[in-house]
N, C-alpha and C. Protein backbone atom coordinates (compact mmCIF):
# COMPACT_ATOMS: atom_id res chain seq x y z
N MET A 1 18.82 -10.08 -19.08
CA MET A 1 18.46 -11.46 -19.24
C MET A 1 19.74 -12.29 -19.04
N SER A 2 19.60 -13.32 -18.26
CA SER A 2 20.76 -14.11 -17.90
C SER A 2 21.00 -15.24 -18.88
N ASN A 3 22.27 -15.49 -19.16
CA ASN A 3 22.66 -16.59 -20.04
C ASN A 3 22.91 -17.88 -19.23
N LYS A 4 22.66 -17.81 -17.87
CA LYS A 4 22.85 -19.06 -17.10
C LYS A 4 21.78 -20.10 -17.29
N PRO A 5 22.12 -21.31 -17.12
CA PRO A 5 21.07 -22.40 -17.25
C PRO A 5 20.06 -22.19 -16.16
N LYS A 6 18.80 -22.55 -16.44
CA LYS A 6 17.74 -22.23 -15.53
C LYS A 6 17.36 -23.56 -14.82
N ILE A 7 17.12 -23.33 -13.42
CA ILE A 7 16.68 -24.45 -12.58
C ILE A 7 15.40 -24.06 -11.91
N LEU A 8 14.34 -24.90 -11.90
CA LEU A 8 13.17 -24.79 -11.12
C LEU A 8 13.17 -25.77 -9.95
N ILE A 9 13.09 -25.26 -8.77
CA ILE A 9 13.06 -26.13 -7.65
C ILE A 9 11.58 -26.15 -7.13
N LEU A 10 11.12 -27.43 -6.93
CA LEU A 10 9.73 -27.62 -6.48
C LEU A 10 9.78 -28.32 -5.01
N PRO A 11 10.08 -27.53 -3.99
CA PRO A 11 10.19 -28.16 -2.67
C PRO A 11 8.86 -28.38 -2.07
N SER A 12 8.82 -29.37 -1.12
CA SER A 12 7.54 -29.60 -0.36
C SER A 12 7.19 -28.51 0.55
N TRP A 13 8.12 -27.74 0.96
CA TRP A 13 7.98 -26.60 1.87
C TRP A 13 9.15 -25.69 1.67
N TYR A 14 8.96 -24.38 1.99
CA TYR A 14 10.01 -23.36 1.80
C TYR A 14 9.80 -22.26 2.83
N PRO A 15 10.90 -21.71 3.33
CA PRO A 15 10.83 -20.75 4.47
C PRO A 15 10.04 -19.50 4.03
N SER A 16 9.37 -18.94 4.97
CA SER A 16 8.64 -17.65 4.84
C SER A 16 9.02 -16.76 6.02
N LYS A 17 8.45 -15.51 6.04
CA LYS A 17 8.72 -14.59 7.11
C LYS A 17 8.09 -15.14 8.35
N ASP A 18 7.01 -15.86 8.23
CA ASP A 18 6.28 -16.43 9.42
C ASP A 18 7.02 -17.68 9.98
N ASN A 19 7.69 -18.40 9.16
CA ASN A 19 8.45 -19.62 9.59
C ASN A 19 9.78 -19.70 8.84
N LEU A 20 10.82 -19.14 9.48
CA LEU A 20 12.05 -19.08 8.73
C LEU A 20 12.76 -20.41 8.61
N ASN A 21 12.48 -21.36 9.49
CA ASN A 21 13.18 -22.64 9.57
C ASN A 21 12.53 -23.71 8.65
N SER A 22 11.35 -23.57 8.31
CA SER A 22 10.59 -24.54 7.50
C SER A 22 11.25 -24.57 6.08
N GLY A 23 11.82 -25.75 5.74
CA GLY A 23 12.41 -25.95 4.43
C GLY A 23 13.66 -25.12 4.26
N SER A 24 14.40 -24.83 5.32
CA SER A 24 15.60 -24.04 5.11
C SER A 24 16.70 -24.80 4.27
N TYR A 25 16.64 -26.11 4.36
CA TYR A 25 17.52 -26.90 3.54
C TYR A 25 17.39 -26.56 2.10
N PHE A 26 16.14 -26.39 1.52
CA PHE A 26 15.87 -26.10 0.18
C PHE A 26 16.40 -24.71 -0.19
N ARG A 27 16.18 -23.75 0.72
CA ARG A 27 16.67 -22.38 0.53
C ARG A 27 18.15 -22.41 0.46
N GLU A 28 18.80 -23.12 1.33
CA GLU A 28 20.32 -23.17 1.31
C GLU A 28 20.84 -23.77 -0.02
N GLN A 29 20.23 -24.83 -0.46
CA GLN A 29 20.64 -25.43 -1.72
C GLN A 29 20.39 -24.54 -2.89
N ALA A 30 19.22 -23.89 -2.94
CA ALA A 30 18.93 -22.88 -3.96
C ALA A 30 19.94 -21.75 -4.00
N ASN A 31 20.25 -21.25 -2.79
CA ASN A 31 21.18 -20.15 -2.68
C ASN A 31 22.57 -20.50 -3.16
N LEU A 32 22.96 -21.79 -2.92
CA LEU A 32 24.31 -22.10 -3.31
C LEU A 32 24.41 -22.25 -4.91
N MET A 33 23.31 -22.53 -5.51
CA MET A 33 23.28 -22.64 -6.99
C MET A 33 23.15 -21.38 -7.64
N THR A 34 22.76 -20.28 -7.05
CA THR A 34 22.47 -19.00 -7.70
C THR A 34 23.70 -18.46 -8.42
N THR A 35 24.93 -18.81 -8.07
CA THR A 35 26.19 -18.21 -8.70
C THR A 35 26.26 -18.83 -10.17
N ASP A 36 25.92 -20.05 -10.35
CA ASP A 36 26.05 -20.69 -11.61
C ASP A 36 24.76 -20.91 -12.42
N PHE A 37 23.62 -20.75 -11.73
CA PHE A 37 22.35 -21.03 -12.33
C PHE A 37 21.31 -19.93 -12.02
N ASP A 38 20.36 -19.77 -12.96
CA ASP A 38 19.19 -18.89 -12.73
C ASP A 38 18.17 -19.70 -12.00
N VAL A 39 18.10 -19.64 -10.68
CA VAL A 39 17.29 -20.44 -9.81
C VAL A 39 15.88 -19.79 -9.53
N LYS A 40 14.84 -20.53 -9.70
CA LYS A 40 13.47 -20.18 -9.27
C LYS A 40 12.88 -21.24 -8.42
N VAL A 41 12.15 -20.86 -7.41
CA VAL A 41 11.57 -21.77 -6.46
C VAL A 41 10.09 -21.68 -6.44
N LEU A 42 9.31 -22.73 -6.52
CA LEU A 42 7.83 -22.72 -6.52
C LEU A 42 7.44 -23.81 -5.57
N THR A 43 6.58 -23.45 -4.62
CA THR A 43 6.07 -24.44 -3.66
C THR A 43 4.58 -24.37 -3.77
N LEU A 44 3.97 -25.50 -3.42
CA LEU A 44 2.41 -25.56 -3.54
C LEU A 44 1.86 -25.70 -2.14
N GLU A 45 0.61 -25.21 -2.01
CA GLU A 45 -0.13 -25.35 -0.80
C GLU A 45 -1.65 -25.61 -1.12
N LYS A 46 -2.11 -26.58 -0.45
CA LYS A 46 -3.52 -26.95 -0.56
C LYS A 46 -4.35 -26.04 0.28
N GLU A 47 -5.41 -25.42 -0.26
CA GLU A 47 -6.37 -24.52 0.46
C GLU A 47 -7.76 -25.15 0.38
N TRP A 48 -8.27 -25.54 1.50
CA TRP A 48 -9.58 -26.11 1.58
C TRP A 48 -10.66 -25.05 1.54
N ILE A 49 -11.64 -25.13 0.70
CA ILE A 49 -12.76 -24.14 0.57
C ILE A 49 -14.06 -24.86 0.58
N SER A 50 -15.13 -24.17 0.83
CA SER A 50 -16.45 -24.70 0.76
C SER A 50 -16.87 -24.81 -0.78
N ASN A 51 -17.91 -25.58 -1.02
CA ASN A 51 -18.40 -25.61 -2.44
C ASN A 51 -19.10 -24.24 -2.74
N ARG A 52 -19.70 -23.54 -1.77
CA ARG A 52 -20.32 -22.22 -2.02
C ARG A 52 -19.21 -21.25 -2.45
N ARG A 53 -18.06 -21.28 -1.76
CA ARG A 53 -16.97 -20.39 -2.16
C ARG A 53 -16.46 -20.74 -3.63
N TYR A 54 -16.37 -21.96 -3.91
CA TYR A 54 -15.89 -22.47 -5.23
C TYR A 54 -16.84 -21.89 -6.29
N TYR A 55 -18.19 -22.06 -6.12
CA TYR A 55 -19.02 -21.66 -7.20
C TYR A 55 -19.12 -20.10 -7.28
N TYR A 56 -19.01 -19.42 -6.15
CA TYR A 56 -18.93 -17.91 -6.17
C TYR A 56 -17.76 -17.45 -6.89
N ASP A 57 -16.51 -18.09 -6.64
CA ASP A 57 -15.32 -17.69 -7.28
C ASP A 57 -15.39 -17.97 -8.81
N ASN A 58 -15.91 -19.13 -9.17
CA ASN A 58 -16.04 -19.45 -10.56
C ASN A 58 -16.91 -18.54 -11.33
N PHE A 59 -17.97 -18.10 -10.69
CA PHE A 59 -18.93 -17.24 -11.33
C PHE A 59 -18.45 -15.80 -11.44
N PHE A 60 -17.86 -15.28 -10.33
CA PHE A 60 -17.53 -13.83 -10.32
C PHE A 60 -16.06 -13.50 -10.63
N LYS A 61 -15.15 -14.49 -10.46
CA LYS A 61 -13.77 -14.16 -10.61
C LYS A 61 -13.21 -14.85 -11.88
N LYS A 62 -12.36 -14.11 -12.61
CA LYS A 62 -11.81 -14.72 -13.80
C LYS A 62 -10.41 -15.43 -13.55
N ASN A 63 -9.63 -14.81 -12.57
CA ASN A 63 -8.33 -15.26 -12.24
C ASN A 63 -8.40 -16.42 -11.17
N LYS A 64 -8.09 -17.67 -11.64
CA LYS A 64 -8.27 -18.76 -10.71
C LYS A 64 -6.90 -19.20 -10.15
N VAL A 65 -5.85 -18.63 -10.66
CA VAL A 65 -4.52 -19.03 -10.13
C VAL A 65 -4.07 -17.95 -9.02
N ASN A 66 -3.60 -18.46 -7.96
CA ASN A 66 -3.31 -17.65 -6.81
C ASN A 66 -1.79 -17.71 -6.51
N PHE A 67 -0.96 -16.96 -7.15
CA PHE A 67 0.52 -16.93 -6.78
C PHE A 67 0.80 -15.89 -5.74
N LYS A 68 1.64 -16.22 -4.83
CA LYS A 68 2.08 -15.25 -3.82
C LYS A 68 3.63 -15.37 -3.66
N LYS A 69 4.23 -14.22 -3.64
CA LYS A 69 5.70 -14.20 -3.54
C LYS A 69 6.10 -14.46 -2.04
N ILE A 70 6.98 -15.37 -1.83
CA ILE A 70 7.49 -15.62 -0.50
C ILE A 70 8.87 -14.92 -0.35
N GLU A 71 8.87 -13.81 0.44
CA GLU A 71 10.05 -13.07 0.60
C GLU A 71 10.84 -13.47 1.77
N VAL A 72 11.95 -14.19 1.57
CA VAL A 72 12.94 -14.53 2.55
C VAL A 72 14.32 -14.18 2.04
N PHE A 73 15.33 -14.66 2.68
CA PHE A 73 16.67 -14.54 2.19
C PHE A 73 16.70 -15.12 0.73
N PRO A 74 17.56 -14.51 -0.07
CA PRO A 74 17.69 -15.03 -1.53
C PRO A 74 17.92 -16.52 -1.53
N PRO A 75 17.47 -17.22 -2.55
CA PRO A 75 16.48 -16.61 -3.58
C PRO A 75 15.10 -16.73 -3.01
N ASP A 76 14.32 -15.73 -3.32
CA ASP A 76 12.90 -15.77 -2.94
C ASP A 76 12.15 -16.83 -3.65
N GLY A 77 11.10 -17.27 -3.11
CA GLY A 77 10.23 -18.28 -3.75
C GLY A 77 8.86 -17.82 -4.08
N TRP A 78 8.11 -18.65 -4.72
CA TRP A 78 6.73 -18.36 -5.15
C TRP A 78 5.87 -19.49 -4.50
N LEU A 79 4.77 -19.10 -4.05
CA LEU A 79 3.76 -20.00 -3.44
C LEU A 79 2.56 -20.01 -4.35
N LEU A 80 2.20 -21.23 -4.80
CA LEU A 80 0.91 -21.38 -5.60
C LEU A 80 -0.10 -22.11 -4.74
N LYS A 81 -1.23 -21.48 -4.37
CA LYS A 81 -2.24 -22.12 -3.62
C LYS A 81 -3.26 -22.75 -4.65
N TYR A 82 -3.49 -24.01 -4.45
CA TYR A 82 -4.54 -24.66 -5.18
C TYR A 82 -5.72 -25.00 -4.26
N ARG A 83 -6.90 -24.96 -4.76
CA ARG A 83 -8.06 -25.12 -3.95
C ARG A 83 -8.67 -26.55 -4.08
N PHE A 84 -8.99 -27.12 -2.96
CA PHE A 84 -9.74 -28.35 -2.80
C PHE A 84 -11.04 -28.10 -2.08
N ILE A 85 -12.13 -28.52 -2.75
CA ILE A 85 -13.46 -28.32 -2.15
C ILE A 85 -13.78 -29.47 -1.18
N LYS A 86 -14.21 -29.04 -0.01
CA LYS A 86 -14.38 -29.96 1.06
C LYS A 86 -15.38 -31.09 0.85
N THR A 87 -16.45 -30.74 0.22
CA THR A 87 -17.51 -31.77 -0.09
C THR A 87 -17.40 -32.56 -1.31
N PHE A 88 -16.39 -32.22 -2.17
CA PHE A 88 -16.12 -32.92 -3.39
C PHE A 88 -15.21 -34.19 -3.12
N SER A 89 -15.32 -35.19 -3.98
CA SER A 89 -14.43 -36.28 -3.88
C SER A 89 -13.05 -35.88 -4.40
N ASP A 90 -12.04 -36.73 -4.07
CA ASP A 90 -10.66 -36.41 -4.52
C ASP A 90 -10.63 -36.39 -6.05
N GLN A 91 -11.40 -37.36 -6.65
CA GLN A 91 -11.43 -37.46 -8.13
C GLN A 91 -12.00 -36.16 -8.76
N LYS A 92 -13.05 -35.61 -8.14
CA LYS A 92 -13.67 -34.41 -8.68
C LYS A 92 -12.70 -33.22 -8.51
N ASN A 93 -12.06 -33.10 -7.36
CA ASN A 93 -11.08 -32.00 -7.05
C ASN A 93 -10.01 -32.11 -8.03
N LEU A 94 -9.48 -33.26 -8.37
CA LEU A 94 -8.39 -33.38 -9.34
C LEU A 94 -8.79 -32.96 -10.74
N GLU A 95 -10.02 -33.37 -11.08
CA GLU A 95 -10.62 -32.94 -12.40
C GLU A 95 -10.66 -31.43 -12.48
N ILE A 96 -11.06 -30.78 -11.48
CA ILE A 96 -11.14 -29.34 -11.42
C ILE A 96 -9.76 -28.69 -11.61
N LEU A 97 -8.76 -29.30 -10.95
CA LEU A 97 -7.41 -28.69 -11.05
C LEU A 97 -6.84 -28.89 -12.47
N VAL A 98 -7.21 -29.97 -13.15
CA VAL A 98 -6.70 -30.22 -14.47
C VAL A 98 -7.31 -29.30 -15.49
N PHE A 99 -8.61 -29.06 -15.35
CA PHE A 99 -9.28 -28.21 -16.32
C PHE A 99 -9.48 -26.81 -15.91
C-alpha cells in the first residue's frame, strides 16, 4: 500500500490500444505525476442501447456497472460504460443512471 497522496483523473478521453493518440495529453500528465502521487484514471463512455436490451439486462443481469481496463503505457486507465436507452428521454435516462 502506498503512502503517496491519491489523485483521480477524469479525462474526457484516454488512449487505448485501438487509438494511442486520443487523449495522449492526459496520459502524459498522469505519467508525470506517478512519481509523487498514486494516480488512477477513469474515463466514461456513453453506450446507446435499445429499450428491449435495457429491460432484458435489468431482468436477467445483476451487475449493471461495466468497467473495462484500458491497457496502454503507464498509468493504465479504466473505462466505465454507462447506458442510454434510445427511446427514453434524457430525463428518464438520467434518472436510471442515478438509481
